[in-house]
Protein backbone atom coordinates (compact mmCIF):
# COMPACT_ATOMS: atom_id res chain seq x y z
CA MET A 1 -17.49 -47.77 -6.51
CA ASN A 2 -17.56 -48.15 -10.26
CA ILE A 3 -15.54 -45.93 -12.58
CA ARG A 4 -18.57 -43.90 -13.77
CA VAL A 5 -19.51 -42.90 -10.24
CA GLN A 6 -15.88 -41.98 -9.46
CA ARG A 7 -15.67 -39.80 -12.59
CA PHE A 8 -18.97 -38.12 -11.70
CA PHE A 9 -17.71 -37.28 -8.18
CA VAL A 10 -14.37 -36.03 -9.50
CA THR A 11 -16.15 -33.87 -12.09
CA MET A 12 -18.57 -32.46 -9.51
CA MET A 13 -15.75 -31.72 -7.04
CA THR A 14 -13.76 -29.98 -9.79
CA VAL A 15 -16.76 -27.84 -10.78
CA PHE A 16 -17.43 -27.02 -7.13
CA LEU A 17 -13.81 -26.06 -6.47
CA ILE A 18 -13.52 -23.93 -9.62
CA THR A 19 -16.84 -22.17 -8.96
CA GLY A 20 -16.01 -21.55 -5.31
CA ALA A 21 -12.49 -20.33 -6.11
CA SER A 22 -13.67 -17.96 -8.82
CA ASN A 23 -16.36 -16.54 -6.51
CA TYR A 24 -13.73 -16.04 -3.81
CA LEU A 25 -11.26 -14.41 -6.21
CA ASN A 26 -13.92 -12.11 -7.66
CA ALA A 27 -15.25 -11.04 -4.27
CA SER A 28 -14.43 -7.41 -3.75
CA GLN A 29 -13.09 -6.11 -0.48
CA GLU A 30 -14.05 -2.82 1.02
CA VAL A 31 -12.18 -0.52 3.38
CA ALA A 32 -14.44 1.19 5.91
CA LEU A 33 -13.00 4.29 7.54
CA PRO A 34 -14.03 5.63 10.98
CA ASP A 35 -15.88 8.59 9.42
CA GLY A 36 -18.16 6.25 7.46
CA SER A 37 -16.33 6.58 4.15
CA LYS A 38 -15.94 3.34 2.21
CA VAL A 39 -13.60 2.41 -0.61
CA GLU A 40 -13.91 -0.68 -2.76
CA LEU A 41 -10.62 -2.43 -3.45
CA PRO A 42 -8.46 -2.74 -5.45
CA VAL A 43 -7.14 0.82 -5.77
CA ILE A 44 -3.78 2.24 -6.76
CA CYS A 45 -1.53 4.01 -4.26
CA PRO A 46 -0.92 7.46 -5.83
CA VAL A 47 2.69 7.59 -4.61
CA CYS A 48 4.22 4.20 -5.46
CA GLU A 49 1.51 3.20 -7.98
CA MET A 50 1.19 -0.26 -6.44
CA LYS A 51 -2.19 -1.95 -6.36
CA ILE A 52 -3.78 -2.13 -2.93
CA GLU A 53 -5.87 -5.30 -3.00
CA SER A 54 -6.40 -6.04 0.68
CA ASP A 55 -7.59 -3.93 3.58
CA SER A 56 -4.72 -5.40 5.61
CA VAL A 57 -2.19 -3.34 3.63
CA VAL A 58 -4.00 0.01 3.94
CA LEU A 59 -1.91 2.09 6.35
CA GLY A 60 -3.18 5.59 5.62
CA ALA A 61 -6.17 7.39 4.12
CA LEU A 62 -7.24 10.91 3.19
CA VAL A 63 -10.90 11.85 2.77
CA PHE A 64 -11.59 14.97 0.71
CA ALA A 65 -14.58 17.29 1.08
CA GLU A 66 -16.09 16.15 -2.24
CA GLY A 67 -16.02 12.51 -1.03
CA LYS A 68 -12.91 11.28 -2.80
CA VAL A 69 -10.82 8.89 -0.66
CA VAL A 70 -7.13 8.25 -1.27
CA LEU A 71 -5.52 5.16 0.29
CA PHE A 72 -1.85 4.46 1.01
CA ASP A 73 0.01 1.20 1.59
CA ASN A 74 2.80 2.86 3.55
CA ILE A 75 2.74 5.66 6.15
CA SER A 76 5.83 7.24 4.59
CA GLU A 77 3.88 7.54 1.34
CA PHE A 78 0.92 9.03 3.21
CA PHE A 79 3.26 11.83 4.35
CA ARG A 80 5.00 12.18 0.97
CA TYR A 81 1.59 12.77 -0.60
CA LEU A 82 0.33 15.04 2.18
CA LEU A 83 3.52 17.18 2.15
CA SER A 84 3.60 17.47 -1.68
CA PRO A 85 0.22 18.84 -2.80
CA GLN A 86 1.65 20.45 -5.94
CA THR A 87 3.33 17.22 -7.01
CA PHE A 88 0.13 15.20 -6.61
CA GLY A 89 -2.28 17.93 -7.71
CA PHE A 90 -4.62 18.45 -4.78
CA ASP A 91 -5.70 21.27 -2.50
CA PRO A 92 -4.74 20.46 1.13
CA ASN A 93 -7.54 22.77 2.34
CA LYS A 94 -10.07 20.31 0.89
CA ILE A 95 -8.95 17.42 3.11
CA LYS A 96 -11.87 16.69 5.41
CA LYS A 97 -10.40 13.78 7.42
CA SER A 98 -7.20 11.79 7.57
CA PHE A 99 -6.29 8.45 9.13
CA VAL A 100 -3.26 6.24 9.74
CA VAL A 101 -3.18 2.72 11.16
CA GLU A 102 -1.78 2.38 14.66
CA HIS A 103 1.06 -0.14 14.87
CA GLU A 104 -0.20 -2.00 17.94
CA SER A 105 -4.01 -2.00 17.57
CA LYS A 106 -4.10 -2.05 13.74
CA LYS A 107 -6.99 0.44 13.96
CA PHE A 108 -7.34 3.78 12.22
CA ILE A 109 -6.31 6.76 14.35
CA ASP A 110 -6.05 10.52 13.80
CA PRO A 111 -2.56 11.21 12.38
CA LYS A 112 -2.42 14.70 13.90
CA ASP A 113 -2.61 13.25 17.42
CA SER A 114 -0.11 10.46 16.70
CA PHE A 115 3.60 9.85 17.08
CA TYR A 116 5.73 8.21 14.43
CA VAL A 117 8.70 5.91 14.63
CA ILE A 118 10.83 6.37 11.55
CA GLY A 119 13.35 3.66 10.79
CA PRO A 120 15.68 2.79 7.95
CA GLU A 121 14.41 2.41 4.40
CA THR A 122 13.81 -1.27 3.73
CA VAL A 123 12.33 -1.16 0.23
CA PRO A 124 13.81 1.22 -2.38
CA MET A 125 11.48 4.07 -3.45
CA MET A 126 8.96 3.25 -0.68
CA GLY A 127 10.62 5.56 1.84
CA PRO A 128 11.68 4.62 5.34
CA GLU A 129 9.80 2.22 7.52
CA MET A 130 7.30 4.21 9.55
CA ASN A 131 4.93 3.16 12.34
CA ALA A 132 2.18 5.20 14.02
CA PHE A 133 1.42 5.21 17.74
CA SER A 134 -1.30 7.02 19.67
CA LYS A 135 1.04 7.70 22.63
CA ARG A 136 4.60 8.99 22.64
CA GLU A 137 5.52 6.52 25.40
CA GLU A 138 4.51 3.58 23.19
CA ALA A 139 6.56 4.96 20.30
CA GLU A 140 9.62 5.47 22.49
CA LYS A 141 9.26 1.97 23.93
CA PHE A 142 9.15 0.61 20.35
CA THR A 143 12.47 2.35 19.54
CA SER A 144 14.31 1.28 22.69
CA GLY A 145 17.77 0.04 21.79
CA ALA A 146 17.48 1.02 18.12
CA ALA A 147 19.91 3.78 17.21
CA ASP A 148 18.60 3.98 13.62
CA LYS A 149 15.03 4.93 14.65
CA LYS A 150 13.55 8.21 15.87
CA VAL A 151 10.20 9.40 17.22
CA LEU A 152 8.44 12.42 15.67
CA ALA A 153 5.10 14.12 16.27
CA PHE A 154 2.86 14.76 13.25
CA SER A 155 3.95 18.41 12.95
CA GLU A 156 7.64 17.40 13.00
CA VAL A 157 7.53 15.03 10.00
CA SER A 158 9.18 16.54 6.90
CA LEU A 159 9.70 15.41 3.33
CA GLN A 160 13.33 14.79 4.18
CA ASP A 161 12.22 12.29 6.84
CA VAL A 162 9.93 10.32 4.54
CA GLY A 163 11.52 10.55 1.10
CA PRO A 164 13.29 7.59 -0.45
CA ARG A 165 16.97 7.53 0.41
CA LYS A 166 18.14 5.04 -2.19
CA LYS A 167 18.25 5.92 -5.85
CA VAL A 168 16.71 3.44 -8.23
CA LEU A 169 17.74 3.49 -11.87
CA ARG A 170 14.84 3.75 -14.25
CA LEU A 171 15.72 2.50 -17.68
CA LYS A 172 14.26 4.14 -20.74
CA PRO A 173 12.67 1.84 -23.29
CA SER A 174 15.10 0.81 -25.99
CA GLU A 175 14.65 2.74 -29.20
CA SER A 176 16.02 -0.21 -31.16
CA PHE A 177 13.14 -2.45 -30.07
CA LYS A 178 9.64 -1.59 -31.19
CA PRO A 179 6.63 -3.19 -29.41
CA ASP A 180 5.25 -4.47 -32.74
CA GLN A 181 8.52 -6.29 -33.56
CA LYS A 182 8.77 -10.01 -33.10
CA PRO A 183 10.89 -10.84 -30.07
CA MET A 184 14.35 -12.26 -30.60
CA THR A 185 14.51 -16.02 -30.27
CA GLY A 186 17.25 -18.32 -29.15
CA GLY A 187 18.45 -16.74 -25.93
CA HIS A 188 21.61 -17.89 -24.22
CA SER A 189 21.23 -21.52 -25.25
CA SER A 190 21.63 -20.74 -28.97
CA HIS A 191 25.25 -19.55 -28.71
């Protein structure tokens, strides 16, 4: 093959790969809930303010009477939101449907008929690890041999159970540095 033909093929492959990759990256995902509600991703979790970009990380959802849907990337955060209506500014009487993802099946289930295994907090500010099960027996089997986990029914979950246990320091922006200032140069290597 001569050099011109090789360059042509390389150029065409590059264009194809870039076009295909950008189409893939720009493709939006959608979360479809059992009640027919749909939410286009990405969205922001209202509790931790992290971006939910994939339906595989949606672990809870609330559907309000006016059609608004709120998604959560952690079941602990689902409960923190649900148990703190004043903090998050919503009327709990306007919740039409709610869902959590079952640990085993990875399908949405009714949280009010579910049982929850609450374990130790693994990520600061995210609350404890929490898994939903449709049957108490499955939840108890999941906790077997783990002294740091407990099983609770929906009505037994409290803010104390799901709140973050570790304190994270939040630093205030420095008053001596203004955003319109030029950054300092040199770093450690200029000593």
